[in-house]
């Protein structure tokens, strides 16, 4: 039978037993199963799952901290609490940098490295325009600063949250929930005129 011939030919291919399939040859990492969950490993077998989980913690912490910052603006009409929470977001650059270094060393691919990399770019811009040399760019809007600021912020959230979709859907759904809370808080602040 013709399908049996194809099955026999497929079994003889080197990618079935320890070889690399054409798809995995392009991808410098693979997903292994451990107790029913996926673990991110490089082709050499190095476990970099901890870095993916660290990025997940960072993105959710950023979402929660900024949501609280927006809600504090609604409650107080001031940026003071939001400014204080910004220091915690700056502190999250440390675990993001550690994860980025692990992804680069393991050659995990651009999608894993992009999120922490863009987040570090956002933190650098935030430190400059909000702390080191404060510039009022939100209201009135100074588009030359506001547009890159928002693109880096929301781009980092998207890029840090996206890889978890493949690794662990339950953790990814937590990121979806905290992102929805962030957007809800941002809309509330905008409606109150303090967004």
N, C-alpha and C. Protein backbone atom coordinates (compact mmCIF):
# COMPACT_ATOMS: atom_id res chain seq x y z
N UNK A 1 0.85 -1.19 0.00
CA UNK A 1 0.00 0.00 0.00
C UNK A 1 0.89 1.24 0.00
N UNK A 2 0.45 2.27 -0.70
CA UNK A 2 1.25 3.46 -0.89
C UNK A 2 1.54 4.18 0.43
N UNK A 3 0.57 4.30 1.34
CA UNK A 3 0.80 5.00 2.60
C UNK A 3 1.81 4.26 3.47
N UNK A 4 1.85 2.93 3.39
CA UNK A 4 2.85 2.17 4.15
C UNK A 4 4.25 2.47 3.65
N UNK A 5 4.40 2.65 2.33
CA UNK A 5 5.71 2.98 1.77
C UNK A 5 6.17 4.34 2.29
N UNK A 6 5.24 5.31 2.35
CA UNK A 6 5.60 6.62 2.87
C UNK A 6 5.97 6.53 4.35
N UNK A 7 5.24 5.75 5.10
CA UNK A 7 5.54 5.59 6.53
C UNK A 7 6.90 4.96 6.72
N UNK A 8 7.24 3.94 5.91
CA UNK A 8 8.56 3.31 6.01
C UNK A 8 9.67 4.31 5.66
N UNK A 9 9.44 5.09 4.61
CA UNK A 9 10.44 6.09 4.21
C UNK A 9 10.61 7.14 5.30
N UNK A 10 9.54 7.54 5.93
CA UNK A 10 9.61 8.54 7.00
C UNK A 10 10.36 8.00 8.21
N UNK A 11 10.19 6.71 8.51
CA UNK A 11 10.90 6.11 9.64
C UNK A 11 12.40 6.04 9.38
N UNK A 12 12.81 5.93 8.13
CA UNK A 12 14.23 5.84 7.80
C UNK A 12 14.92 7.20 7.79
N UNK A 13 14.16 8.29 7.81
CA UNK A 13 14.77 9.61 7.81
C UNK A 13 15.52 9.84 9.11
N UNK A 14 16.67 10.52 9.08
CA UNK A 14 17.46 10.72 10.30
C UNK A 14 16.79 11.61 11.33
N UNK A 15 15.78 12.40 10.93
CA UNK A 15 15.17 13.30 11.90
C UNK A 15 14.26 12.56 12.87
N UNK A 16 13.96 11.31 12.62
CA UNK A 16 13.06 10.58 13.51
C UNK A 16 13.72 10.16 14.80
N UNK A 17 15.03 9.89 14.76
CA UNK A 17 15.72 9.40 15.95
C UNK A 17 16.99 10.19 16.21
N UNK A 18 16.84 11.31 16.81
CA UNK A 18 18.01 12.08 17.22
C UNK A 18 18.54 13.04 16.17
N UNK A 19 18.17 12.87 14.90
CA UNK A 19 18.60 13.80 13.87
C UNK A 19 17.77 15.07 13.93
N UNK A 20 18.15 16.02 13.11
CA UNK A 20 17.43 17.29 13.11
C UNK A 20 16.51 17.35 11.91
N UNK A 21 15.28 17.66 12.16
CA UNK A 21 14.34 17.85 11.07
C UNK A 21 14.64 19.20 10.41
N UNK A 22 14.21 19.39 9.18
CA UNK A 22 14.46 20.69 8.52
C UNK A 22 13.89 21.86 9.32
N UNK A 23 12.75 21.67 9.97
CA UNK A 23 12.15 22.77 10.75
C UNK A 23 13.00 23.08 11.98
N UNK A 24 13.43 22.04 12.71
CA UNK A 24 14.22 22.31 13.91
C UNK A 24 15.63 22.75 13.56
N UNK A 25 16.08 22.47 12.34
CA UNK A 25 17.40 22.92 11.93
C UNK A 25 17.42 24.44 11.85
N UNK A 26 16.30 25.07 11.55
CA UNK A 26 16.24 26.52 11.50
C UNK A 26 16.03 27.12 12.88
N UNK A 27 15.58 26.35 13.82
CA UNK A 27 15.26 26.85 15.16
C UNK A 27 16.34 26.39 16.13
N UNK A 28 17.02 27.31 16.81
CA UNK A 28 18.12 26.91 17.67
C UNK A 28 17.67 26.40 19.05
N UNK A 29 16.40 26.18 19.24
CA UNK A 29 15.90 25.67 20.50
C UNK A 29 14.80 24.67 20.20
N UNK A 30 14.39 23.93 21.21
CA UNK A 30 13.24 23.05 21.05
C UNK A 30 12.47 23.01 22.35
N UNK A 31 11.26 22.53 22.25
CA UNK A 31 10.42 22.39 23.43
C UNK A 31 10.42 20.94 23.84
N UNK A 32 10.85 20.67 25.04
CA UNK A 32 10.83 19.33 25.58
C UNK A 32 9.69 19.25 26.59
N UNK A 33 9.16 18.07 26.78
CA UNK A 33 8.09 17.90 27.75
C UNK A 33 8.67 17.41 29.07
N UNK A 34 8.22 18.03 30.15
CA UNK A 34 8.62 17.63 31.49
C UNK A 34 7.37 17.69 32.36
N UNK A 35 6.91 16.56 32.78
CA UNK A 35 5.71 16.47 33.62
C UNK A 35 4.52 17.17 32.95
N UNK A 36 4.40 16.97 31.62
CA UNK A 36 3.24 17.51 30.91
C UNK A 36 3.34 18.96 30.51
N UNK A 37 4.45 19.63 30.82
CA UNK A 37 4.60 21.02 30.41
C UNK A 37 5.82 21.14 29.52
N UNK A 38 5.83 22.17 28.70
CA UNK A 38 6.95 22.38 27.80
C UNK A 38 8.08 23.08 28.52
N UNK A 39 9.29 22.67 28.23
CA UNK A 39 10.50 23.28 28.77
C UNK A 39 11.31 23.78 27.58
N UNK A 40 11.74 25.01 27.63
CA UNK A 40 12.54 25.60 26.56
C UNK A 40 13.98 25.15 26.74
N UNK A 41 14.52 24.46 25.72
CA UNK A 41 15.91 24.01 25.77
C UNK A 41 16.57 24.35 24.45
N UNK A 42 17.88 24.58 24.50
CA UNK A 42 18.63 24.80 23.27
C UNK A 42 18.93 23.46 22.64
N UNK A 43 19.45 23.47 21.42
CA UNK A 43 19.79 22.23 20.74
C UNK A 43 20.85 21.46 21.51
N UNK A 44 21.71 22.17 22.24
CA UNK A 44 22.74 21.48 23.02
C UNK A 44 22.16 20.87 24.30
N UNK A 45 20.91 21.16 24.59
CA UNK A 45 20.26 20.59 25.77
C UNK A 45 20.25 21.52 26.97
N UNK A 46 20.82 22.72 26.84
CA UNK A 46 20.84 23.66 27.96
C UNK A 46 19.41 24.12 28.26
N UNK A 47 19.05 24.07 29.52
CA UNK A 47 17.70 24.47 29.94
C UNK A 47 17.68 25.98 30.16
N UNK A 48 16.96 26.70 29.31
CA UNK A 48 16.82 28.15 29.48
C UNK A 48 15.38 28.51 29.81
N UNK A 49 14.64 27.52 30.29
CA UNK A 49 13.25 27.76 30.66
C UNK A 49 13.16 28.80 31.78
N UNK A 50 14.13 28.80 32.68
CA UNK A 50 14.13 29.77 33.77
C UNK A 50 14.10 31.19 33.23
N UNK A 51 14.81 31.44 32.11
CA UNK A 51 14.84 32.78 31.53
C UNK A 51 13.48 33.16 30.97
N UNK A 52 12.79 32.20 30.36
CA UNK A 52 11.45 32.47 29.83
C UNK A 52 10.48 32.78 30.97
N UNK A 53 10.61 32.04 32.07
CA UNK A 53 9.74 32.30 33.23
C UNK A 53 10.08 33.65 33.86
N UNK A 54 11.37 34.00 33.87
CA UNK A 54 11.76 35.29 34.42
C UNK A 54 11.16 36.43 33.58
N UNK A 55 11.17 36.30 32.26
CA UNK A 55 10.57 37.31 31.40
C UNK A 55 9.07 37.37 31.65
N UNK A 56 8.44 36.21 31.86
CA UNK A 56 7.01 36.19 32.17
C UNK A 56 6.73 36.95 33.47
N UNK A 57 7.57 36.77 34.47
CA UNK A 57 7.41 37.49 35.74
C UNK A 57 7.56 38.99 35.51
N UNK A 58 8.56 39.37 34.71
CA UNK A 58 8.80 40.79 34.44
C UNK A 58 7.59 41.42 33.75
N UNK A 59 7.09 40.78 32.69
CA UNK A 59 5.99 41.40 31.93
C UNK A 59 4.74 41.52 32.80
N UNK A 60 4.47 40.54 33.63
CA UNK A 60 3.28 40.64 34.47
C UNK A 60 3.46 41.65 35.59
N UNK A 61 4.68 41.75 36.12
CA UNK A 61 4.95 42.76 37.15
C UNK A 61 4.80 44.16 36.55
N UNK A 62 5.31 44.36 35.33
CA UNK A 62 5.17 45.66 34.67
C UNK A 62 3.69 45.99 34.47
N UNK A 63 2.92 45.02 34.00
CA UNK A 63 1.49 45.24 33.78
C UNK A 63 0.79 45.66 35.07
N UNK A 64 1.06 44.93 36.14
CA UNK A 64 0.39 45.21 37.42
C UNK A 64 0.85 46.56 37.98
N UNK A 65 2.16 46.81 37.95
CA UNK A 65 2.67 48.08 38.49
C UNK A 65 2.13 49.28 37.72
N UNK A 66 2.10 49.19 36.41
CA UNK A 66 1.61 50.32 35.63
C UNK A 66 0.10 50.47 35.76
N UNK A 67 -0.62 49.36 35.88
CA UNK A 67 -2.07 49.46 36.13
C UNK A 67 -2.32 50.18 37.45
N UNK A 68 -1.55 49.82 38.48
CA UNK A 68 -1.68 50.51 39.77
C UNK A 68 -1.32 51.99 39.63
N UNK A 69 -0.31 52.28 38.81
CA UNK A 69 0.08 53.67 38.57
C UNK A 69 -1.04 54.47 37.92
N UNK A 70 -1.68 53.88 36.91
CA UNK A 70 -2.81 54.56 36.27
C UNK A 70 -3.95 54.78 37.25
N UNK A 71 -4.26 53.75 38.04
CA UNK A 71 -5.36 53.89 39.01
C UNK A 71 -5.02 54.92 40.08
N UNK A 72 -3.74 55.02 40.46
CA UNK A 72 -3.36 56.04 41.44
C UNK A 72 -3.55 57.44 40.86
N UNK A 73 -3.34 57.60 39.57
CA UNK A 73 -3.57 58.90 38.93
C UNK A 73 -5.05 59.26 38.99
N UNK A 74 -5.91 58.27 38.77
CA UNK A 74 -7.36 58.52 38.82
C UNK A 74 -7.76 58.93 40.22
N UNK A 75 -7.24 58.22 41.22
CA UNK A 75 -7.64 58.46 42.61
C UNK A 75 -7.12 59.79 43.14
N UNK A 76 -5.84 60.09 42.84
CA UNK A 76 -5.22 61.27 43.44
C UNK A 76 -5.12 62.46 42.48
N UNK A 77 -5.23 62.19 41.17
CA UNK A 77 -5.05 63.26 40.20
C UNK A 77 -3.60 63.66 40.04
N UNK A 78 -2.69 62.88 40.59
CA UNK A 78 -1.27 63.21 40.61
C UNK A 78 -0.46 62.05 40.04
N UNK A 79 0.76 62.36 39.59
CA UNK A 79 1.67 61.34 39.07
C UNK A 79 2.62 60.82 40.16
N UNK A 80 2.49 61.27 41.40
CA UNK A 80 3.47 60.94 42.44
C UNK A 80 3.59 59.44 42.68
N UNK A 81 2.47 58.76 42.88
CA UNK A 81 2.53 57.31 43.12
C UNK A 81 3.02 56.57 41.87
N UNK A 82 2.57 57.02 40.72
CA UNK A 82 3.00 56.42 39.46
C UNK A 82 4.52 56.57 39.30
N UNK A 83 5.02 57.73 39.67
CA UNK A 83 6.46 58.00 39.61
C UNK A 83 7.23 57.06 40.54
N UNK A 84 6.71 56.85 41.73
CA UNK A 84 7.35 55.93 42.69
C UNK A 84 7.33 54.49 42.17
N UNK A 85 6.21 54.08 41.58
CA UNK A 85 6.13 52.73 41.01
C UNK A 85 7.08 52.55 39.83
N UNK A 86 7.43 53.66 39.19
CA UNK A 86 8.38 53.61 38.09
C UNK A 86 9.74 53.10 38.51
N UNK A 87 10.13 53.36 39.76
CA UNK A 87 11.41 52.83 40.25
C UNK A 87 11.39 51.30 40.29
N UNK A 88 10.26 50.73 40.64
CA UNK A 88 10.15 49.26 40.62
C UNK A 88 10.26 48.73 39.19
N UNK A 89 9.65 49.44 38.24
CA UNK A 89 9.75 49.03 36.84
C UNK A 89 11.20 49.12 36.37
N UNK A 90 11.91 50.17 36.79
CA UNK A 90 13.33 50.29 36.45
C UNK A 90 14.09 49.10 37.04
N UNK A 91 13.76 48.72 38.26
CA UNK A 91 14.42 47.57 38.89
C UNK A 91 14.21 46.27 38.13
N UNK A 92 13.09 46.16 37.42
CA UNK A 92 12.82 44.95 36.64
C UNK A 92 13.74 44.82 35.43
N UNK A 93 14.51 45.86 35.14
CA UNK A 93 15.49 45.78 34.06
C UNK A 93 16.59 44.75 34.39
N UNK A 94 16.86 44.54 35.66
CA UNK A 94 17.91 43.59 36.05
C UNK A 94 17.54 42.16 35.66
N UNK A 95 16.37 41.64 36.09
CA UNK A 95 16.04 40.28 35.63
C UNK A 95 15.83 40.19 34.11
N UNK A 96 15.34 41.27 33.50
CA UNK A 96 15.18 41.26 32.04
C UNK A 96 16.54 41.15 31.36
N UNK A 97 17.53 41.86 31.87
CA UNK A 97 18.88 41.80 31.30
C UNK A 97 19.50 40.41 31.50
N UNK A 98 19.26 39.80 32.65
CA UNK A 98 19.78 38.44 32.88
C UNK A 98 19.15 37.45 31.91
N UNK A 99 17.85 37.56 31.70
CA UNK A 99 17.16 36.68 30.75
C UNK A 99 17.66 36.92 29.34
N UNK A 100 17.83 38.19 28.97
CA UNK A 100 18.33 38.51 27.63
C UNK A 100 19.71 37.91 27.41
N UNK A 101 20.59 38.03 28.41
CA UNK A 101 21.93 37.44 28.29
C UNK A 101 21.85 35.93 28.12
N UNK A 102 20.95 35.28 28.86
CA UNK A 102 20.79 33.82 28.73
C UNK A 102 20.29 33.44 27.35
N UNK A 103 19.32 34.18 26.82
CA UNK A 103 18.80 33.90 25.48
C UNK A 103 19.87 34.09 24.41
N UNK A 104 20.66 35.14 24.55
CA UNK A 104 21.72 35.39 23.57
C UNK A 104 22.79 34.31 23.65
N UNK A 105 23.22 33.97 24.87
CA UNK A 105 24.24 32.92 25.02
C UNK A 105 23.77 31.59 24.48
N UNK A 106 22.49 31.28 24.68
CA UNK A 106 21.94 30.00 24.24
C UNK A 106 21.49 30.04 22.78
N UNK A 107 21.56 31.23 22.16
CA UNK A 107 21.09 31.41 20.78
C UNK A 107 19.64 30.94 20.64
N UNK A 108 18.82 31.42 21.55
CA UNK A 108 17.42 30.98 21.61
C UNK A 108 16.55 31.56 20.51
N UNK A 109 17.02 32.51 19.78
CA UNK A 109 16.22 33.07 18.70
C UNK A 109 15.78 34.49 19.01
N UNK A 110 15.44 35.20 17.94
CA UNK A 110 15.13 36.62 18.08
C UNK A 110 13.87 36.87 18.88
N UNK A 111 12.87 36.00 18.78
CA UNK A 111 11.60 36.27 19.47
C UNK A 111 11.78 36.24 20.99
N UNK A 112 12.61 35.36 21.48
CA UNK A 112 12.84 35.31 22.93
C UNK A 112 13.67 36.51 23.39
N UNK A 113 14.64 36.92 22.59
CA UNK A 113 15.51 38.03 22.97
C UNK A 113 14.86 39.39 22.74
N UNK A 114 13.94 39.48 21.80
CA UNK A 114 13.36 40.78 21.44
C UNK A 114 12.62 41.43 22.60
N UNK A 115 11.82 40.67 23.33
CA UNK A 115 11.04 41.25 24.42
C UNK A 115 11.88 41.91 25.48
N UNK A 116 12.83 41.17 26.09
CA UNK A 116 13.67 41.83 27.09
C UNK A 116 14.53 42.95 26.50
N UNK A 117 14.95 42.79 25.24
CA UNK A 117 15.76 43.84 24.61
C UNK A 117 14.98 45.14 24.43
N UNK A 118 13.75 45.03 23.94
CA UNK A 118 12.91 46.21 23.76
C UNK A 118 12.55 46.81 25.12
N UNK A 119 12.32 45.95 26.12
CA UNK A 119 12.02 46.45 27.46
C UNK A 119 13.19 47.27 28.01
N UNK A 120 14.41 46.78 27.81
CA UNK A 120 15.58 47.54 28.28
C UNK A 120 15.68 48.88 27.56
N UNK A 121 15.33 48.92 26.28
CA UNK A 121 15.29 50.18 25.56
C UNK A 121 14.25 51.13 26.14
N UNK A 122 13.09 50.56 26.49
CA UNK A 122 12.04 51.38 27.12
C UNK A 122 12.52 51.94 28.46
N UNK A 123 13.13 51.09 29.28
CA UNK A 123 13.60 51.54 30.59
C UNK A 123 14.63 52.65 30.44
N UNK A 124 15.52 52.52 29.48
CA UNK A 124 16.51 53.57 29.25
C UNK A 124 15.84 54.89 28.89
N UNK A 125 14.87 54.84 27.97
CA UNK A 125 14.14 56.06 27.61
C UNK A 125 13.37 56.61 28.80
N UNK A 126 12.74 55.74 29.58
CA UNK A 126 11.97 56.17 30.74
C UNK A 126 12.88 56.86 31.76
N UNK A 127 14.05 56.30 32.00
CA UNK A 127 14.99 56.90 32.96
C UNK A 127 15.37 58.31 32.49
N UNK A 128 15.60 58.47 31.21
CA UNK A 128 16.01 59.79 30.69
C UNK A 128 14.87 60.80 30.79
N UNK A 129 13.68 60.46 30.27
CA UNK A 129 12.61 61.48 30.16
C UNK A 129 11.76 61.62 31.42
N UNK A 130 11.80 60.63 32.32
CA UNK A 130 10.98 60.73 33.53
C UNK A 130 11.80 61.00 34.79
N UNK A 131 13.09 60.66 34.78
CA UNK A 131 13.87 60.74 36.03
C UNK A 131 15.13 61.59 35.89
N UNK A 132 16.02 61.28 34.95
CA UNK A 132 17.30 61.97 34.86
C UNK A 132 17.13 63.42 34.42
N UNK A 133 16.42 63.64 33.34
CA UNK A 133 16.15 64.99 32.82
C UNK A 133 14.67 65.08 32.51
N UNK A 134 13.82 65.18 33.54
CA UNK A 134 12.37 65.11 33.34
C UNK A 134 11.86 66.10 32.29
N UNK A 135 11.03 65.55 31.40
CA UNK A 135 10.42 66.33 30.33
C UNK A 135 8.92 66.06 30.37
N UNK A 136 8.13 67.12 30.31
CA UNK A 136 6.68 66.94 30.24
C UNK A 136 6.32 66.62 28.79
N UNK A 137 5.97 65.36 28.54
CA UNK A 137 5.67 64.97 27.16
C UNK A 137 4.29 64.33 27.03
N UNK A 138 3.62 64.10 28.14
CA UNK A 138 2.31 63.45 28.09
C UNK A 138 1.20 64.46 27.80
N UNK A 139 1.22 65.57 28.54
CA UNK A 139 0.17 66.56 28.37
C UNK A 139 0.78 67.95 28.58
N UNK A 140 0.91 68.75 27.59
CA UNK A 140 0.52 68.50 26.20
C UNK A 140 1.46 67.47 25.56
N UNK A 141 0.91 66.76 24.61
CA UNK A 141 1.64 65.66 23.97
C UNK A 141 2.80 66.19 23.13
N UNK A 142 3.98 65.65 23.40
CA UNK A 142 5.15 65.91 22.56
C UNK A 142 5.42 64.61 21.82
N UNK A 143 4.90 64.54 20.61
CA UNK A 143 4.88 63.30 19.85
C UNK A 143 6.26 62.72 19.59
N UNK A 144 7.28 63.56 19.51
CA UNK A 144 8.65 63.08 19.30
C UNK A 144 9.14 62.20 20.43
N UNK A 145 8.58 62.37 21.62
CA UNK A 145 8.94 61.53 22.77
C UNK A 145 7.84 60.52 23.06
N UNK A 146 6.59 60.97 23.02
CA UNK A 146 5.47 60.11 23.39
C UNK A 146 5.32 58.88 22.50
N UNK A 147 5.47 59.05 21.20
CA UNK A 147 5.28 57.92 20.28
C UNK A 147 6.33 56.83 20.52
N UNK A 148 7.65 57.15 20.56
CA UNK A 148 8.62 56.09 20.86
C UNK A 148 8.42 55.48 22.25
N UNK A 149 8.04 56.32 23.21
CA UNK A 149 7.81 55.85 24.58
C UNK A 149 6.72 54.78 24.59
N UNK A 150 5.59 55.09 23.96
CA UNK A 150 4.47 54.14 23.94
C UNK A 150 4.78 52.91 23.09
N UNK A 151 5.46 53.10 21.96
CA UNK A 151 5.82 51.96 21.11
C UNK A 151 6.76 51.00 21.85
N UNK A 152 7.74 51.55 22.54
CA UNK A 152 8.66 50.70 23.30
C UNK A 152 7.94 50.02 24.46
N UNK A 153 7.07 50.76 25.15
CA UNK A 153 6.37 50.18 26.30
C UNK A 153 5.45 49.04 25.87
N UNK A 154 4.52 49.33 24.97
CA UNK A 154 3.57 48.29 24.57
C UNK A 154 4.22 47.22 23.69
N UNK A 155 5.24 47.61 22.92
CA UNK A 155 5.97 46.62 22.14
C UNK A 155 6.69 45.62 23.03
N UNK A 156 7.27 46.11 24.13
CA UNK A 156 7.96 45.20 25.05
C UNK A 156 6.98 44.25 25.74
N UNK A 157 5.80 44.75 26.08
CA UNK A 157 4.80 43.90 26.71
C UNK A 157 4.37 42.79 25.75
N UNK A 158 4.10 43.17 24.51
CA UNK A 158 3.71 42.18 23.51
C UNK A 158 4.82 41.17 23.28
N UNK A 159 6.04 41.64 23.07
CA UNK A 159 7.15 40.74 22.76
C UNK A 159 7.58 39.89 23.95
N UNK A 160 7.42 40.40 25.17
CA UNK A 160 7.76 39.57 26.33
C UNK A 160 6.68 38.53 26.61
N UNK A 161 5.43 38.87 26.31
CA UNK A 161 4.33 37.94 26.59
C UNK A 161 4.14 36.88 25.54
N UNK A 162 4.48 37.18 24.30
CA UNK A 162 4.20 36.29 23.18
C UNK A 162 4.85 34.91 23.27
N UNK A 163 6.13 34.77 23.62
CA UNK A 163 6.74 33.43 23.64
C UNK A 163 6.07 32.47 24.62
N UNK A 164 5.45 32.97 25.66
CA UNK A 164 4.82 32.08 26.64
C UNK A 164 3.60 31.37 26.04
N UNK A 165 3.06 31.89 24.95
CA UNK A 165 1.91 31.24 24.29
C UNK A 165 2.25 29.81 23.92
N UNK A 166 3.45 29.58 23.44
CA UNK A 166 3.87 28.22 23.07
C UNK A 166 4.31 27.40 24.26
N UNK A 167 4.88 28.06 25.25
CA UNK A 167 5.46 27.33 26.37
C UNK A 167 4.42 26.85 27.37
N UNK A 168 3.51 27.74 27.73
CA UNK A 168 2.53 27.40 28.77
C UNK A 168 1.32 28.31 28.61
N UNK A 169 0.23 27.77 28.09
CA UNK A 169 -0.96 28.59 27.82
C UNK A 169 -1.55 29.17 29.09
N UNK A 170 -1.47 28.45 30.19
CA UNK A 170 -2.04 28.99 31.44
C UNK A 170 -1.28 30.23 31.88
N UNK A 171 0.04 30.18 31.80
CA UNK A 171 0.82 31.36 32.16
C UNK A 171 0.57 32.49 31.17
N UNK A 172 0.42 32.14 29.89
CA UNK A 172 0.14 33.16 28.88
C UNK A 172 -1.20 33.83 29.17
N UNK A 173 -2.19 33.06 29.62
CA UNK A 173 -3.50 33.64 29.94
C UNK A 173 -3.41 34.60 31.12
N UNK A 174 -2.50 34.34 32.04
CA UNK A 174 -2.27 35.30 33.14
C UNK A 174 -1.77 36.62 32.55
N UNK A 175 -0.86 36.53 31.58
CA UNK A 175 -0.35 37.73 30.93
C UNK A 175 -1.46 38.48 30.19
N UNK A 176 -2.34 37.73 29.55
CA UNK A 176 -3.48 38.36 28.88
C UNK A 176 -4.34 39.10 29.91
N UNK A 177 -4.57 38.48 31.05
CA UNK A 177 -5.40 39.11 32.10
C UNK A 177 -4.73 40.36 32.66
N UNK A 178 -3.43 40.30 32.94
CA UNK A 178 -2.77 41.50 33.48
C UNK A 178 -2.67 42.59 32.42
N UNK A 179 -2.53 42.20 31.16
CA UNK A 179 -2.51 43.20 30.07
C UNK A 179 -3.87 43.87 29.94
N UNK A 180 -4.93 43.08 30.07
CA UNK A 180 -6.29 43.64 30.02
C UNK A 180 -6.51 44.60 31.19
N UNK A 181 -6.00 44.24 32.37
CA UNK A 181 -6.12 45.13 33.53
C UNK A 181 -5.37 46.43 33.29
N UNK A 182 -4.19 46.33 32.68
CA UNK A 182 -3.40 47.53 32.36
C UNK A 182 -4.17 48.43 31.39
N UNK A 183 -4.71 47.86 30.35
CA UNK A 183 -5.45 48.67 29.37
C UNK A 183 -6.70 49.27 29.99
N UNK A 184 -7.39 48.50 30.83
CA UNK A 184 -8.57 49.03 31.54
C UNK A 184 -8.21 50.20 32.43
N UNK A 185 -7.10 50.07 33.17
CA UNK A 185 -6.66 51.15 34.05
C UNK A 185 -6.23 52.37 33.24
N UNK A 186 -5.58 52.13 32.11
CA UNK A 186 -5.16 53.24 31.25
C UNK A 186 -6.38 53.98 30.70
N UNK A 187 -7.40 53.24 30.27
CA UNK A 187 -8.61 53.88 29.76
C UNK A 187 -9.32 54.68 30.85
N UNK A 188 -9.34 54.14 32.07
CA UNK A 188 -9.94 54.87 33.19
C UNK A 188 -9.20 56.17 33.45
N UNK A 189 -7.86 56.12 33.38
CA UNK A 189 -7.06 57.34 33.58
C UNK A 189 -7.29 58.34 32.46
N UNK A 190 -7.44 57.85 31.25
CA UNK A 190 -7.71 58.75 30.11
C UNK A 190 -9.07 59.42 30.26
N UNK A 191 -10.06 58.66 30.69
CA UNK A 191 -11.41 59.22 30.89
C UNK A 191 -11.40 60.27 32.00
N UNK A 192 -10.56 60.06 33.00
CA UNK A 192 -10.47 61.02 34.11
C UNK A 192 -9.58 62.21 33.75
N UNK A 193 -8.96 62.17 32.58
CA UNK A 193 -8.13 63.29 32.16
C UNK A 193 -6.73 63.27 32.75
N UNK A 194 -6.31 62.13 33.29
CA UNK A 194 -4.98 62.02 33.88
C UNK A 194 -4.16 60.91 33.22
N UNK A 195 -4.57 60.51 32.00
CA UNK A 195 -3.92 59.42 31.28
C UNK A 195 -2.66 59.88 30.70
